[in-house]
PDB file of N, CA and C in Angstrom:
ATOM      1  N   MET A   1     144.110  80.199  92.559  1.00  0.00           N
ATOM      2  CA  MET A   1     145.175  80.269  91.571  1.00  0.00           C
ATOM      3  C   MET A   1     145.099  79.085  90.608  1.00  0.00           C
ATOM      4  N   LEU A   2     144.647  77.937  91.105  1.00  0.00           N
ATOM      5  CA  LEU A   2     144.554  76.755  90.257  1.00  0.00           C
ATOM      6  C   LEU A   2     143.514  76.946  89.165  1.00  0.00           C
ATOM      7  N   LYS A   3     142.389  77.549  89.514  1.00  0.00           N
ATOM      8  CA  LYS A   3     141.339  77.788  88.515  1.00  0.00           C
ATOM      9  C   LYS A   3     141.829  78.725  87.422  1.00  0.00           C
ATOM     10  N   SER A   4     142.506  79.786  87.805  1.00  0.00           N
ATOM     11  CA  SER A   4     143.006  80.724  86.799  1.00  0.00           C
ATOM     12  C   SER A   4     144.091  80.076  85.947  1.00  0.00           C
ATOM     13  N   THR A   5     144.886  79.205  86.531  1.00  0.00           N
ATOM     14  CA  THR A   5     145.912  78.498  85.760  1.00  0.00           C
ATOM     15  C   THR A   5     145.275  77.579  84.729  1.00  0.00           C
ATOM     16  N   LEU A   6     144.230  76.872  85.128  1.00  0.00           N
ATOM     17  CA  LEU A   6     143.527  75.995  84.178  1.00  0.00           C
ATOM     18  C   LEU A   6     142.891  76.788  83.046  1.00  0.00           C
ATOM     19  N   VAL A   7     142.347  77.954  83.366  1.00  0.00           N
ATOM     20  CA  VAL A   7     141.768  78.810  82.327  1.00  0.00           C
ATOM     21  C   VAL A   7     142.855  79.295  81.372  1.00  0.00           C
ATOM     22  N   VAL A   8     143.992  79.707  81.925  1.00  0.00           N
ATOM     23  CA  VAL A   8     145.109  80.173  81.094  1.00  0.00           C
ATOM     24  C   VAL A   8     145.598  79.052  80.181  1.00  0.00           C
ATOM     25  N   VAL A   9     145.708  77.846  80.706  1.00  0.00           N
ATOM     26  CA  VAL A   9     146.157  76.713  79.901  1.00  0.00           C
ATOM     27  C   VAL A   9     145.160  76.434  78.776  1.00  0.00           C
ATOM     28  N   ALA A  10     143.882  76.390  79.094  1.00  0.00           N
ATOM     29  CA  ALA A  10     142.864  76.089  78.080  1.00  0.00           C
ATOM     30  C   ALA A  10     142.821  77.169  76.993  1.00  0.00           C
ATOM     31  N   VAL A  11     142.874  78.415  77.396  1.00  0.00           N
ATOM     32  CA  VAL A  11     142.828  79.513  76.420  1.00  0.00           C
ATOM     33  C   VAL A  11     144.092  79.514  75.566  1.00  0.00           C
ATOM     34  N   SER A  12     145.226  79.241  76.153  1.00  0.00           N
ATOM     35  CA  SER A  12     146.480  79.239  75.391  1.00  0.00           C
ATOM     36  C   SER A  12     146.516  78.102  74.378  1.00  0.00           C
ATOM     37  N   ILE A  13     146.029  76.938  74.746  1.00  0.00           N
ATOM     38  CA  ILE A  13     145.989  75.823  73.799  1.00  0.00           C
ATOM     39  C   ILE A  13     145.025  76.128  72.666  1.00  0.00           C
ATOM     40  N   ALA A  14     143.874  76.675  72.986  1.00  0.00           N
ATOM     41  CA  ALA A  14     142.915  77.050  71.943  1.00  0.00           C
ATOM     42  C   ALA A  14     143.482  78.143  71.040  1.00  0.00           C
ATOM     43  N   ALA A  15     144.215  79.066  71.616  1.00  0.00           N
ATOM     44  CA  ALA A  15     144.824  80.140  70.824  1.00  0.00           C
ATOM     45  C   ALA A  15     145.881  79.583  69.882  1.00  0.00           C
ATOM     46  N   GLY A  16     146.592  78.559  70.306  1.00  0.00           N
ATOM     47  CA  GLY A  16     147.592  77.951  69.437  1.00  0.00           C
ATOM     48  C   GLY A  16     146.992  77.383  68.170  1.00  0.00           C
ATOM     49  N   ALA A  17     145.734  76.990  68.236  1.00  0.00           N
ATOM     50  CA  ALA A  17     145.069  76.424  67.068  1.00  0.00           C
ATOM     51  C   ALA A  17     144.421  77.478  66.198  1.00  0.00           C
ATOM     52  N   THR A  18     144.261  78.702  66.707  1.00  0.00           N
ATOM     53  CA  THR A  18     143.462  79.653  65.949  1.00  0.00           C
ATOM     54  C   THR A  18     144.133  80.977  65.603  1.00  0.00           C
ATOM     55  N   ILE A  19     145.029  81.499  66.433  1.00  0.00           N
ATOM     56  CA  ILE A  19     145.559  82.832  66.148  1.00  0.00           C
ATOM     57  C   ILE A  19     147.061  82.804  65.901  1.00  0.00           C
ATOM     58  N   ARG A  20     147.534  83.876  65.312  1.00  0.00           N
ATOM     59  CA  ARG A  20     148.963  83.998  65.005  1.00  0.00           C
ATOM     60  C   ARG A  20     149.773  84.319  66.251  1.00  0.00           C
ATOM     61  N   ALA A  21     151.059  84.111  66.149  1.00  0.00           N
ATOM     62  CA  ALA A  21     151.948  84.301  67.296  1.00  0.00           C
ATOM     63  C   ALA A  21     151.979  85.755  67.747  1.00  0.00           C
ATOM     64  N   SER A  22     151.958  86.694  66.822  1.00  0.00           N
ATOM     65  CA  SER A  22     152.005  88.104  67.220  1.00  0.00           C
ATOM     66  C   SER A  22     150.754  88.502  67.991  1.00  0.00           C
ATOM     67  N   ALA A  23     149.601  88.027  67.568  1.00  0.00           N
ATOM     68  CA  ALA A  23     148.363  88.327  68.284  1.00  0.00           C
ATOM     69  C   ALA A  23     148.374  87.677  69.662  1.00  0.00           C
ATOM     70  N   PHE A  24     148.916  86.467  69.740  1.00  0.00           N
ATOM     71  CA  PHE A  24     148.991  85.802  71.035  1.00  0.00           C
ATOM     72  C   PHE A  24     149.964  86.519  71.958  1.00  0.00           C
ATOM     73  N   ALA A  25     151.049  87.038  71.420  1.00  0.00           N
ATOM     74  CA  ALA A  25     152.018  87.757  72.256  1.00  0.00           C
ATOM     75  C   ALA A  25     151.367  88.987  72.881  1.00  0.00           C
ATOM     76  N   ILE A  26     150.578  89.710  72.112  1.00  0.00           N
ATOM     77  CA  ILE A  26     149.873  90.879  72.644  1.00  0.00           C
ATOM     78  C   ILE A  26     148.863  90.444  73.700  1.00  0.00           C
ATOM     79  N   PHE A  27     148.117  89.395  73.405  1.00  0.00           N
ATOM     80  CA  PHE A  27     147.132  88.872  74.351  1.00  0.00           C
ATOM     81  C   PHE A  27     147.806  88.432  75.642  1.00  0.00           C
ATOM     82  N   ALA A  28     148.897  87.705  75.540  1.00  0.00           N
ATOM     83  CA  ALA A  28     149.604  87.209  76.722  1.00  0.00           C
ATOM     84  C   ALA A  28     150.142  88.372  77.553  1.00  0.00           C
ATOM     85  N   PHE A  29     150.669  89.385  76.897  1.00  0.00           N
ATOM     86  CA  PHE A  29     151.179  90.547  77.619  1.00  0.00           C
ATOM     87  C   PHE A  29     150.064  91.236  78.399  1.00  0.00           C
ATOM     88  N   LEU A  30     148.900  91.388  77.777  1.00  0.00           N
ATOM     89  CA  LEU A  30     147.777  92.032  78.452  1.00  0.00           C
ATOM     90  C   LEU A  30     147.281  91.199  79.643  1.00  0.00           C
ATOM     91  N   VAL A  31     147.208  89.886  79.459  1.00  0.00           N
ATOM     92  CA  VAL A  31     146.757  89.017  80.548  1.00  0.00           C
ATOM     93  C   VAL A  31     147.742  89.058  81.709  1.00  0.00           C
ATOM     94  N   VAL A  32     149.017  88.983  81.412  1.00  0.00           N
ATOM     95  CA  VAL A  32     150.035  88.984  82.467  1.00  0.00           C
ATOM     96  C   VAL A  32     150.084  90.340  83.172  1.00  0.00           C
ATOM     97  N   THR A  33     149.908  91.412  82.446  1.00  0.00           N
ATOM     98  CA  THR A  33     149.880  92.737  83.058  1.00  0.00           C
ATOM     99  C   THR A  33     148.699  92.864  84.015  1.00  0.00           C
ATOM    100  N   ALA A  34     147.531  92.397  83.572  1.00  0.00           N
ATOM    101  CA  ALA A  34     146.350  92.442  84.442  1.00  0.00           C
ATOM    102  C   ALA A  34     146.543  91.558  85.668  1.00  0.00           C
ATOM    103  N   LEU A  35     147.116  90.389  85.471  1.00  0.00           N
ATOM    104  CA  LEU A  35     147.376  89.489  86.596  1.00  0.00           C
ATOM    105  C   LEU A  35     148.355  90.116  87.584  1.00  0.00           C
ATOM    106  N   GLY A  36     149.361  90.789  87.084  1.00  0.00           N
ATOM    107  CA  GLY A  36     150.314  91.475  87.958  1.00  0.00           C
ATOM    108  C   GLY A  36     149.638  92.563  88.773  1.00  0.00           C
ATOM    109  N   GLY A  37     148.720  93.287  88.142  1.00  0.00           N
ATOM    110  CA  GLY A  37     147.972  94.312  88.874  1.00  0.00           C
ATOM    111  C   GLY A  37     147.117  93.712  89.978  1.00  0.00           C
ATOM    112  N   VAL A  38     146.464  92.592  89.687  1.00  0.00           N
ATOM    113  CA  VAL A  38     145.640  91.923  90.698  1.00  0.00           C
ATOM    114  C   VAL A  38     146.495  91.427  91.847  1.00  0.00           C
ATOM    115  N   ILE A  39     147.638  90.852  91.534  1.00  0.00           N
ATOM    116  CA  ILE A  39     148.527  90.341  92.587  1.00  0.00           C
ATOM    117  C   ILE A  39     149.026  91.485  93.461  1.00  0.00           C
ATOM    118  N   LEU A  40     149.358  92.617  92.845  1.00  0.00           N
ATOM    119  CA  LEU A  40     149.814  93.766  93.627  1.00  0.00           C
ATOM    120  C   LEU A  40     148.692  94.330  94.498  1.00  0.00           C
ATOM    121  N   LEU A  41     147.464  94.335  93.973  1.00  0.00           N
ATOM    122  CA  LEU A  41     146.335  94.843  94.750  1.00  0.00           C
ATOM    123  C   LEU A  41     146.000  93.954  95.944  1.00  0.00           C
ATOM    124  N   LYS A  42     146.344  92.674  95.842  1.00  0.00           N
ATOM    125  CA  LYS A  42     146.114  91.769  96.971  1.00  0.00           C
ATOM    126  C   LYS A  42     147.109  92.002  98.103  1.00  0.00           C
ATOM    127  N   GLY A  43     148.134  92.801  97.866  1.00  0.00           N
ATOM    128  CA  GLY A  43     149.085  93.128  98.918  1.00  0.00           C
ATOM    129  C   GLY A  43     150.403  92.397  98.824  1.00  0.00           C
ATOM    130  N   SER A  44     150.650  91.687  97.749  1.00  0.00           N
ATOM    131  CA  SER A  44     151.931  90.987  97.592  1.00  0.00           C
ATOM    132  C   SER A  44     153.022  91.985  97.224  1.00  0.00           C
ATOM    133  N   SER A  45     154.250  91.559  97.397  1.00  0.00           N
ATOM    134  CA  SER A  45     155.367  92.434  97.046  1.00  0.00           C
ATOM    135  C   SER A  45     155.559  92.454  95.532  1.00  0.00           C
ATOM    136  N   LEU A  46     156.309  93.430  95.083  1.00  0.00           N
ATOM    137  CA  LEU A  46     156.572  93.567  93.657  1.00  0.00           C
ATOM    138  C   LEU A  46     157.345  92.360  93.127  1.00  0.00           C
ATOM    139  N   THR A  47     158.263  91.848  93.920  1.00  0.00           N
ATOM    140  CA  THR A  47     159.047  90.688  93.506  1.00  0.00           C
ATOM    141  C   THR A  47     158.158  89.467  93.310  1.00  0.00           C
ATOM    142  N   GLU A  48     157.243  89.223  94.248  1.00  0.00           N
ATOM    143  CA  GLU A  48     156.323  88.092  94.115  1.00  0.00           C
ATOM    144  C   GLU A  48     155.427  88.251  92.895  1.00  0.00           C
ATOM    145  N   ALA A  49     154.991  89.473  92.628  1.00  0.00           N
ATOM    146  CA  ALA A  49     154.133  89.728  91.472  1.00  0.00           C
ATOM    147  C   ALA A  49     154.883  89.462  90.171  1.00  0.00           C
ATOM    148  N   VAL A  50     156.117  89.919  90.104  1.00  0.00           N
ATOM    149  CA  VAL A  50     156.908  89.718  88.883  1.00  0.00           C
ATOM    150  C   VAL A  50     157.185  88.235  88.660  1.00  0.00           C
ATOM    151  N   VAL A  51     157.536  87.534  89.719  1.00  0.00           N
ATOM    152  CA  VAL A  51     157.810  86.093  89.590  1.00  0.00           C
ATOM    153  C   VAL A  51     156.559  85.345  89.151  1.00  0.00           C
ATOM    154  N   SER A  52     155.428  85.669  89.736  1.00  0.00           N
ATOM    155  CA  SER A  52     154.170  85.015  89.346  1.00  0.00           C
ATOM    156  C   SER A  52     153.822  85.315  87.893  1.00  0.00           C
ATOM    157  N   CYS A  53     154.035  86.550  87.476  1.00  0.00           N
ATOM    158  CA  CYS A  53     153.733  86.928  86.090  1.00  0.00           C
ATOM    159  C   CYS A  53     154.634  86.197  85.100  1.00  0.00           C
ATOM    160  N   VAL A  54     155.894  86.071  85.432  1.00  0.00           N
ATOM    161  CA  VAL A  54     156.814  85.355  84.548  1.00  0.00           C
ATOM    162  C   VAL A  54     156.430  83.882  84.466  1.00  0.00           C
ATOM    163  N   GLU A  55     156.052  83.292  85.596  1.00  0.00           N
ATOM    164  CA  GLU A  55     155.615  81.895  85.584  1.00  0.00           C
ATOM    165  C   GLU A  55     154.392  81.698  84.695  1.00  0.00           C
ATOM    166  N   VAL A  56     153.417  82.590  84.818  1.00  0.00           N
ATOM    167  CA  VAL A  56     152.203  82.487  84.003  1.00  0.00           C
ATOM    168  C   VAL A  56     152.539  82.704  82.532  1.00  0.00           C
ATOM    169  N   LEU A  57     153.410  83.654  82.245  1.00  0.00           N
ATOM    170  CA  LEU A  57     153.794  83.921  80.855  1.00  0.00           C
ATOM    171  C   LEU A  57     154.484  82.712  80.232  1.00  0.00           C
ATOM    172  N   VAL A  58     155.380  82.080  80.969  1.00  0.00           N
ATOM    173  CA  VAL A  58     156.059  80.879  80.462  1.00  0.00           C
ATOM    174  C   VAL A  58     155.055  79.760  80.239  1.00  0.00           C
ATOM    175  N   LEU A  59     154.138  79.585  81.175  1.00  0.00           N
ATOM    176  CA  LEU A  59     153.103  78.567  81.031  1.00  0.00           C
ATOM    177  C   LEU A  59     152.232  78.839  79.802  1.00  0.00           C
ATOM    178  N   MET A  60     151.885  80.097  79.595  1.00  0.00           N
ATOM    179  CA  MET A  60     151.073  80.452  78.428  1.00  0.00           C
ATOM    180  C   MET A  60     151.801  80.149  77.121  1.00  0.00           C
ATOM    181  N   GLU A  61     153.067  80.476  77.075  1.00  0.00           N
ATOM    182  CA  GLU A  61     153.840  80.240  75.853  1.00  0.00           C
ATOM    183  C   GLU A  61     153.977  78.742  75.567  1.00  0.00           C
ATOM    184  N   ILE A  62     154.235  77.959  76.596  1.00  0.00           N
ATOM    185  CA  ILE A  62     154.360  76.506  76.413  1.00  0.00           C
ATOM    186  C   ILE A  62     153.036  75.920  75.923  1.00  0.00           C
ATOM    187  N   CYS A  63     151.950  76.345  76.527  1.00  0.00           N
ATOM    188  CA  CYS A  63     150.640  75.828  76.117  1.00  0.00           C
ATOM    189  C   CYS A  63     150.270  76.291  74.713  1.00  0.00           C
ATOM    190  N   TYR A  64     150.657  77.518  74.358  1.00  0.00           N
ATOM    191  CA  TYR A  64     150.409  77.999  72.998  1.00  0.00           C
ATOM    192  C   TYR A  64     151.152  77.123  71.988  1.00  0.00           C
ATOM    193  N   LEU A  65     152.417  76.854  72.263  1.00  0.00           N
ATOM    194  CA  LEU A  65     153.197  76.018  71.352  1.00  0.00           C
ATOM    195  C   LEU A  65     152.652  74.594  71.289  1.00  0.00           C
ATOM    196  N   ALA A  66     152.195  74.069  72.419  1.00  0.00           N
ATOM    197  CA  ALA A  66     151.592  72.729  72.426  1.00  0.00           C
ATOM    198  C   ALA A  66     150.319  72.710  71.590  1.00  0.00           C
ATOM    199  N   GLY A  67     149.498  73.728  71.723  1.00  0.00           N
ATOM    200  CA  GLY A  67     148.284  73.821  70.917  1.00  0.00           C
ATOM    201  C   GLY A  67     148.590  73.976  69.441  1.00  0.00           C
ATOM    202  N   LEU A  68     149.590  74.768  69.125  1.00  0.00           N
ATOM    203  CA  LEU A  68     150.001  74.952  67.737  1.00  0.00           C
ATOM    204  C   LEU A  68     150.508  73.643  67.144  1.00  0.00           C
ATOM    205  N   PHE A  69     151.339  72.932  67.891  1.00  0.00           N
ATOM    206  CA  PHE A  69     151.867  71.660  67.430  1.00  0.00           C
ATOM    207  C   PHE A  69     150.755  70.635  67.246  1.00  0.00           C
ATOM    208  N   ALA A  70     149.862  70.542  68.233  1.00  0.00           N
ATOM    209  CA  ALA A  70     148.775  69.557  68.158  1.00  0.00           C
ATOM    210  C   ALA A  70     147.848  69.846  66.989  1.00  0.00           C
ATOM    211  N   PHE A  71     147.507  71.117  66.769  1.00  0.00           N
ATOM    212  CA  PHE A  71     146.634  71.461  65.655  1.00  0.00           C
ATOM    213  C   PHE A  71     147.316  71.174  64.324  1.00  0.00           C
ATOM    214  N   SER A  72     148.590  71.509  64.211  1.00  0.00           N
ATOM    215  CA  SER A  72     149.322  71.241  62.965  1.00  0.00           C
ATOM    216  C   SER A  72     149.407  69.743  62.700  1.00  0.00           C
ATOM    217  N   PHE A  73     149.700  68.963  63.741  1.00  0.00           N
ATOM    218  CA  PHE A  73     149.779  67.517  63.600  1.00  0.00           C
ATOM    219  C   PHE A  73     148.434  66.944  63.173  1.00  0.00           C
ATOM    220  N   TRP A  74     147.354  67.411  63.802  1.00  0.00           N
ATOM    221  CA  TRP A  74     146.008  66.953  63.461  1.00  0.00           C
ATOM    222  C   TRP A  74     145.667  67.317  62.020  1.00  0.00           C
ATOM    223  N   HIS A  75     146.028  68.525  61.602  1.00  0.00           N
ATOM    224  CA  HIS A  75     145.736  68.974  60.243  1.00  0.00           C
ATOM    225  C   HIS A  75     146.514  68.147  59.212  1.00  0.00           C
ATOM    226  N   ILE A  76     147.765  67.828  59.498  1.00  0.00           N
ATOM    227  CA  ILE A  76     148.567  67.007  58.585  1.00  0.00           C
ATOM    228  C   ILE A  76     147.981  65.608  58.480  1.00  0.00           C
ATOM    229  N   GLN A  77     147.591  65.016  59.608  1.00  0.00           N
ATOM    230  CA  GLN A  77     146.996  63.676  59.586  1.00  0.00           C
ATOM    231  C   GLN A  77     145.682  63.677  58.805  1.00  0.00           C
ATOM    232  N   LYS A  78     144.904  64.704  58.971  1.00  0.00           N
ATOM    233  CA  LYS A  78     143.630  64.819  58.262  1.00  0.00           C
ATOM    234  C   LYS A  78     143.875  64.908  56.753  1.00  0.00           C
ATOM    235  N   ARG A  79     144.876  65.696  56.366  1.00  0.00           N
ATOM    236  CA  ARG A  79     145.190  65.851  54.952  1.00  0.00           C
ATOM    237  C   ARG A  79     145.729  64.547  54.363  1.00  0.00           C
ATOM    238  N   ARG A  80     146.574  63.823  55.132  1.00  0.00           N
ATOM    239  CA  ARG A  80     147.097  62.540  54.655  1.00  0.00           C
ATOM    240  C   ARG A  80     145.972  61.540  54.428  1.00  0.00           C
ATOM    241  N   LYS A  81     145.046  61.487  55.357  1.00  0.00           N
ATOM    242  CA  LYS A  81     143.936  60.556  55.240  1.00  0.00           C
ATOM    243  C   LYS A  81     143.086  60.898  54.019  1.00  0.00           C
ATOM    244  N   LYS A  82     142.864  62.179  53.794  1.00  0.00           N
ATOM    245  CA  LYS A  82     142.078  62.614  52.637  1.00  0.00           C
ATOM    246  C   LYS A  82     142.809  62.279  51.337  1.00  0.00           C
ATOM    247  N   ASN A  83     144.118  62.514  51.302  1.00  0.00           N
ATOM    248  CA  ASN A  83     144.900  62.216  50.104  1.00  0.00           C
ATOM    249  C   ASN A  83     144.971  60.715  49.841  1.00  0.00           C
ATOM    250  N   SER A  84     145.083  59.907  50.879  1.00  0.00           N
ATOM    251  CA  SER A  84     145.164  58.461  50.666  1.00  0.00           C
ATOM    252  C   SER A  84     143.836  57.927  50.137  1.00  0.00           C
ATOM    253  N   LEU A  85     142.737  58.472  50.566  1.00  0.00           N
ATOM    254  CA  LEU A  85     141.440  58.055  50.034  1.00  0.00           C
ATOM    255  C   LEU A  85     141.274  58.490  48.588  1.00  0.00           C
ATOM    256  N   THR A  86     141.771  59.662  48.257  1.00  0.00           N
ATOM    257  CA  THR A  86     141.689  60.155  46.888  1.00  0.00           C
ATOM    258  C   THR A  86     142.555  59.320  45.963  1.00  0.00           C
ATOM    259  N   GLU A  87     143.759  58.952  46.396  1.00  0.00           N
ATOM    260  CA  GLU A  87     144.651  58.153  45.570  1.00  0.00           C
ATOM    261  C   GLU A  87     144.086  56.760  45.333  1.00  0.00           C
ATOM    262  N   ARG A  88     143.442  56.169  46.293  1.00  0.00           N
ATOM    263  CA  ARG A  88     142.882  54.827  46.146  1.00  0.00           C
ATOM    264  C   ARG A  88     141.760  54.791  45.121  1.00  0.00           C
ATOM    265  N   SER A  89     141.017  55.867  44.998  1.00  0.00           N
ATOM    266  CA  SER A  89     139.907  55.865  44.056  1.00  0.00           C
ATOM    267  C   SER A  89     140.388  55.909  42.606  1.00  0.00           C
ATOM    268  N   HIS A  90     141.601  56.374  42.371  1.00  0.00           N
ATOM    269  CA  HIS A  90     142.133  56.452  41.012  1.00  0.00           C
ATOM    270  C   HIS A  90     142.897  55.194  40.598  1.00  0.00           C
ATOM    271  N   VAL A  91     143.179  54.329  41.492  1.00  0.00           N
ATOM    272  CA  VAL A  91     143.927  53.114  41.186  1.00  0.00           C
ATOM    273  C   VAL A  91     142.970  52.089  40.574  1.00  0.00           C
ATOM    274  N   THR A  92     143.326  51.627  39.364  1.00  0.00           N
ATOM    275  CA  THR A  92     142.456  50.656  38.692  1.00  0.00           C
ATOM    276  C   THR A  92     143.109  49.283  38.626  1.00  0.00           C
ATOM    277  N   GLY A  93     144.387  49.221  38.867  1.00  0.00           N
ATOM    278  CA  GLY A  93     145.069  47.932  38.820  1.00  0.00           C
ATOM    279  C   GLY A  93     145.583  47.564  37.448  1.00  0.00           C
ATOM    280  N   LYS A  94     145.325  48.378  36.439  1.00  0.00           N
ATOM    281  CA  LYS A  94     145.806  48.100  35.077  1.00  0.00           C
ATOM    282  C   LYS A  94     147.076  48.905  34.826  1.00  0.00           C
ATOM    283  N   ARG A  95     147.998  48.298  34.085  1.00  0.00           N
ATOM    284  CA  ARG A  95     149.247  48.976  33.740  1.00  0.00           C
ATOM    285  C   ARG A  95     149.050  49.713  32.413  1.00  0.00           C
ATOM    286  N   PRO A  96     149.644  50.866  32.277  1.00  0.00           N
ATOM    287  CA  PRO A  96     149.542  51.588  30.990  1.00  0.00           C
ATOM    288  C   PRO A  96     150.320  50.865  29.900  1.00  0.00           C
ATOM    289  N   HIS A  97     149.813  50.923  28.656  1.00  0.00           N
ATOM    290  CA  HIS A  97     150.485  50.292  27.507  1.00  0.00           C
ATOM    291  C   HIS A  97     151.558  51.251  26.986  1.00  0.00           C
ATOM    292  N   GLY A  98     152.628  50.652  26.472  1.00  0.00           N
ATOM    293  CA  GLY A  98     153.583  51.505  25.820  1.00  0.00           C
ATOM    294  C   GLY A  98     154.897  51.295  26.269  1.00  0.00           C
TER     295      GLY A  98
END
Protein backbone atom coordinates (compact mmCIF):
# COMPACT_ATOMS: atom_id res chain seq x y z
CA MET A 1 0.00 0.00 0.00
CA LEU A 2 2.91 2.34 0.70
CA LYS A 3 4.30 1.94 -2.82
CA SER A 4 0.96 2.70 -4.42
CA THR A 5 0.52 5.71 -2.13
CA LEU A 6 3.91 7.09 -3.18
CA VAL A 7 3.00 6.59 -6.84
CA VAL A 8 -0.34 8.35 -6.32
CA VAL A 9 1.40 11.26 -4.58
CA ALA A 10 4.04 11.62 -7.31
CA VAL A 11 1.51 11.41 -10.15
CA SER A 12 -0.85 13.87 -8.46
CA ILE A 13 1.89 16.44 -7.90
CA ALA A 14 3.04 16.10 -11.50
CA ALA A 15 -0.56 16.42 -12.68
CA GLY A 16 -0.94 19.64 -10.71
CA ALA A 17 1.80 21.15 -12.83
CA THR A 18 0.52 19.95 -16.18
CA ILE A 19 -3.22 19.25 -16.49
CA ARG A 20 -6.45 21.06 -15.78
CA ALA A 21 -8.63 20.34 -12.77
CA SER A 22 -11.42 18.75 -14.80
CA ALA A 23 -9.03 16.29 -16.44
CA PHE A 24 -7.52 15.48 -13.07
CA ALA A 25 -10.96 14.90 -11.57
CA ILE A 26 -11.73 12.32 -14.26
CA PHE A 27 -8.32 10.71 -13.80
CA ALA A 28 -8.71 10.59 -10.01
CA PHE A 29 -12.18 9.05 -10.30
CA LEU A 30 -10.88 6.32 -12.61
CA VAL A 31 -7.90 5.56 -10.35
CA VAL A 32 -10.05 5.41 -7.23
CA THR A 33 -12.63 3.22 -8.95
CA ALA A 34 -9.93 0.78 -10.06
CA LEU A 35 -8.41 0.80 -6.58
CA GLY A 36 -11.81 0.06 -5.06
CA GLY A 37 -12.21 -2.90 -7.40
CA VAL A 38 -8.80 -4.26 -6.42
CA ILE A 39 -9.56 -3.87 -2.73
CA LEU A 40 -12.88 -5.67 -3.15
CA LEU A 41 -11.22 -8.48 -5.11
CA LYS A 42 -8.74 -8.98 -2.27
CA GLY A 43 -11.69 -9.90 -0.04
CA SER A 44 -12.15 -6.72 1.98
CA SER A 45 -15.59 -5.50 2.93
CA LEU A 46 -17.38 -2.80 1.00
CA THR A 47 -17.01 -0.39 3.91
CA GLU A 48 -13.23 -0.85 4.03
CA ALA A 49 -13.02 -0.38 0.26
CA VAL A 50 -15.03 2.83 0.35
CA VAL A 51 -13.00 4.25 3.24
CA SER A 52 -9.72 3.41 1.50
CA CYS A 53 -10.95 4.97 -1.75
CA VAL A 54 -12.00 8.17 -0.01
CA GLU A 55 -8.62 8.38 1.73
CA VAL A 56 -6.77 7.96 -1.57
CA LEU A 57 -9.04 10.49 -3.28
CA VAL A 58 -8.41 13.08 -0.56
CA LEU A 59 -4.68 12.43 -0.75
CA MET A 60 -4.76 12.82 -4.53
CA GLU A 61 -6.62 16.11 -4.33
CA ILE A 62 -4.25 17.53 -1.70
CA CYS A 63 -1.21 16.52 -3.73
CA TYR A 64 -2.76 17.95 -6.91
CA LEU A 65 -3.31 21.29 -5.19
CA ALA A 66 0.22 21.22 -3.76
CA GLY A 67 1.64 20.57 -7.22
CA LEU A 68 -0.50 23.31 -8.72
CA PHE A 69 0.59 25.78 -6.05
CA ALA A 70 4.27 24.85 -6.33
CA PHE A 71 4.26 25.11 -10.13
CA SER A 72 2.45 28.47 -10.04
CA PHE A 73 4.86 29.79 -7.41
CA TRP A 74 7.86 28.59 -9.44
CA HIS A 75 6.44 30.14 -12.62
CA ILE A 76 5.85 33.51 -10.89
CA GLN A 77 9.38 33.53 -9.46
CA LYS A 78 10.82 32.68 -12.87
CA ARG A 79 8.85 35.51 -14.48
CA ARG A 80 9.92 38.00 -11.78
CA LYS A 81 13.56 37.09 -12.25
CA LYS A 82 13.24 37.49 -16.02
CA ASN A 83 11.48 40.85 -15.66
CA SER A 84 14.04 42.17 -13.18
CA LEU A 85 16.87 41.31 -15.56
CA THR A 86 15.04 42.98 -18.42
CA GLU A 87 14.39 46.15 -16.40
CA ARG A 88 18.05 46.42 -15.34
CA SER A 89 19.25 46.39 -18.92
CA HIS A 90 17.16 49.48 -19.75
CA VAL A 91 18.35 51.56 -16.81
CA THR A 92 21.04 54.02 -17.89
CA GLY A 93 21.22 56.20 -14.81
CA LYS A 94 20.43 59.41 -16.73
CA ARG A 95 17.37 61.52 -15.95
CA PRO A 96 15.15 62.67 -18.82
CA HIS A 97 15.29 66.41 -19.68
CA GLY A 98 12.21 68.50 -19.50
